[in-house]
Amino acid sequence: MSEQTRPEAAKNLWPSLKRLLGYGRNYRRPMAVAIVMLWLTAIAEVAAPVLVSYFIDNMVAKNQIVLSVTLLLVAGFVALQIA
């Protein structure tokens, strides 16, 4: 077996990919919704640790725990985990 270079491998995959995309032509809207939902899920997974680090760095480290801000951060964290 000889190894193919990347352009050759991509050229060999294109007919299969083109045929596969042809099957999805009737499902453009559901596929677009699925892609957007995947992006939102990725953003939510990154946002949860950012919220926790913000809480630790700005509230706990400075010993300034405000109840309203804490509840807002907890609600945001829970919403991201549920979504």
C-alpha atoms as a PDB file:
ATOM      1  CA  MET A   1       0.000   0.000   0.000  1.00  0.00           C
ATOM      2  CA  SER A   2       1.295   3.394  -0.866  1.00  0.00           C
ATOM      3  CA  GLU A   3       0.490   6.370   1.274  1.00  0.00           C
ATOM      4  CA  GLN A   4      -1.345   9.153  -0.476  1.00  0.00           C
ATOM      5  CA  THR A   5      -0.507  12.784  -0.055  1.00  0.00           C
ATOM      6  CA  ARG A   6      -3.154  15.016   1.436  1.00  0.00           C
ATOM      7  CA  PRO A   7      -4.350  16.575  -1.854  1.00  0.00           C
ATOM      8  CA  GLU A   8      -4.686  13.131  -3.428  1.00  0.00           C
ATOM      9  CA  ALA A   9      -6.575  11.773  -0.427  1.00  0.00           C
ATOM     10  CA  ALA A  10      -8.914  14.768  -0.443  1.00  0.00           C
ATOM     11  CA  LYS A  11      -9.493  14.337  -4.157  1.00  0.00           C
ATOM     12  CA  ASN A  12     -10.431  10.693  -3.604  1.00  0.00           C
ATOM     13  CA  LEU A  13     -12.849  11.585  -0.792  1.00  0.00           C
ATOM     14  CA  TRP A  14     -14.669  14.330  -2.686  1.00  0.00           C
ATOM     15  CA  PRO A  15     -16.984  12.038  -4.741  1.00  0.00           C
ATOM     16  CA  SER A  16     -18.103  10.233  -1.583  1.00  0.00           C
ATOM     17  CA  LEU A  17     -18.637  13.488   0.285  1.00  0.00           C
ATOM     18  CA  LYS A  18     -20.550  14.964  -2.641  1.00  0.00           C
ATOM     19  CA  ARG A  19     -22.851  11.934  -2.772  1.00  0.00           C
ATOM     20  CA  LEU A  20     -23.358  12.047   1.009  1.00  0.00           C
ATOM     21  CA  LEU A  21     -24.249  15.748   0.925  1.00  0.00           C
ATOM     22  CA  GLY A  22     -26.718  15.022  -1.861  1.00  0.00           C
ATOM     23  CA  TYR A  23     -28.720  12.842   0.527  1.00  0.00           C
ATOM     24  CA  GLY A  24     -28.963  15.737   2.966  1.00  0.00           C
ATOM     25  CA  ARG A  25     -30.274  18.218   0.406  1.00  0.00           C
ATOM     26  CA  ASN A  26     -33.858  17.751   1.602  1.00  0.00           C
ATOM     27  CA  TYR A  27     -32.801  18.223   5.225  1.00  0.00           C
ATOM     28  CA  ARG A  28     -30.949  21.534   5.025  1.00  0.00           C
ATOM     29  CA  ARG A  29     -32.956  23.277   7.733  1.00  0.00           C
ATOM     30  CA  PRO A  30     -32.685  20.467  10.337  1.00  0.00           C
ATOM     31  CA  MET A  31     -28.971  20.134   9.591  1.00  0.00           C
ATOM     32  CA  ALA A  32     -28.464  23.889  10.019  1.00  0.00           C
ATOM     33  CA  VAL A  33     -30.381  23.825  13.306  1.00  0.00           C
ATOM     34  CA  ALA A  34     -28.266  20.890  14.489  1.00  0.00           C
ATOM     35  CA  ILE A  35     -25.035  22.726  13.646  1.00  0.00           C
ATOM     36  CA  VAL A  36     -26.180  25.869  15.472  1.00  0.00           C
ATOM     37  CA  MET A  37     -27.162  23.773  18.498  1.00  0.00           C
ATOM     38  CA  LEU A  38     -23.721  22.135  18.479  1.00  0.00           C
ATOM     39  CA  TRP A  39     -22.083  25.579  18.484  1.00  0.00           C
ATOM     40  CA  LEU A  40     -24.293  26.737  21.355  1.00  0.00           C
ATOM     41  CA  THR A  41     -23.460  23.593  23.316  1.00  0.00           C
ATOM     42  CA  ALA A  42     -19.745  24.183  22.827  1.00  0.00           C
ATOM     43  CA  ILE A  43     -20.115  27.794  23.988  1.00  0.00           C
ATOM     44  CA  ALA A  44     -22.113  26.693  27.043  1.00  0.00           C
ATOM     45  CA  GLU A  45     -19.469  24.145  28.005  1.00  0.00           C
ATOM     46  CA  VAL A  46     -16.807  26.839  27.919  1.00  0.00           C
ATOM     47  CA  ALA A  47     -18.953  29.460  29.661  1.00  0.00           C
ATOM     48  CA  ALA A  48     -19.626  27.402  32.803  1.00  0.00           C
ATOM     49  CA  PRO A  49     -15.974  27.245  33.957  1.00  0.00           C
ATOM     50  CA  VAL A  50     -15.581  30.923  33.043  1.00  0.00           C
ATOM     51  CA  LEU A  51     -18.476  31.794  35.372  1.00  0.00           C
ATOM     52  CA  VAL A  52     -16.955  29.730  38.180  1.00  0.00           C
ATOM     53  CA  SER A  53     -13.532  31.332  37.722  1.00  0.00           C
ATOM     54  CA  TYR A  54     -15.116  34.800  37.706  1.00  0.00           C
ATOM     55  CA  PHE A  55     -16.890  34.005  40.961  1.00  0.00           C
ATOM     56  CA  ILE A  56     -13.720  32.717  42.604  1.00  0.00           C
ATOM     57  CA  ASP A  57     -11.440  35.494  41.339  1.00  0.00           C
ATOM     58  CA  ASN A  58     -13.737  38.451  41.929  1.00  0.00           C
ATOM     59  CA  MET A  59     -15.917  37.390  44.829  1.00  0.00           C
ATOM     60  CA  VAL A  60     -14.191  34.816  46.996  1.00  0.00           C
ATOM     61  CA  ALA A  61     -10.618  36.086  46.633  1.00  0.00           C
ATOM     62  CA  LYS A  62     -11.631  39.661  47.455  1.00  0.00           C
ATOM     63  CA  ASN A  63     -13.969  38.483  50.231  1.00  0.00           C
ATOM     64  CA  GLN A  64     -16.839  40.461  48.675  1.00  0.00           C
ATOM     65  CA  ILE A  65     -19.629  37.961  48.332  1.00  0.00           C
ATOM     66  CA  VAL A  66     -22.793  39.807  47.277  1.00  0.00           C
ATOM     67  CA  LEU A  67     -25.930  37.682  47.490  1.00  0.00           C
ATOM     68  CA  SER A  68     -27.616  39.030  44.337  1.00  0.00           C
ATOM     69  CA  VAL A  69     -24.526  38.563  42.161  1.00  0.00           C
ATOM     70  CA  THR A  70     -23.913  35.125  43.650  1.00  0.00           C
ATOM     71  CA  LEU A  71     -27.483  34.031  42.926  1.00  0.00           C
ATOM     72  CA  LEU A  72     -27.223  35.389  39.378  1.00  0.00           C
ATOM     73  CA  LEU A  73     -23.998  33.450  38.769  1.00  0.00           C
ATOM     74  CA  VAL A  74     -25.500  30.279  40.248  1.00  0.00           C
ATOM     75  CA  ALA A  75     -28.609  30.662  38.071  1.00  0.00           C
ATOM     76  CA  GLY A  76     -26.436  31.171  34.991  1.00  0.00           C
ATOM     77  CA  PHE A  77     -24.331  28.134  35.847  1.00  0.00           C
ATOM     78  CA  VAL A  78     -27.397  25.937  36.400  1.00  0.00           C
ATOM     79  CA  ALA A  79     -28.985  27.183  33.171  1.00  0.00           C
ATOM     80  CA  LEU A  80     -25.830  26.336  31.234  1.00  0.00           C
ATOM     81  CA  GLN A  81     -25.683  22.874  32.770  1.00  0.00           C
ATOM     82  CA  ILE A  82     -29.333  22.154  31.961  1.00  0.00           C
ATOM     83  CA  ALA A  83     -29.099  23.465  28.396  1.00  0.00           C
END
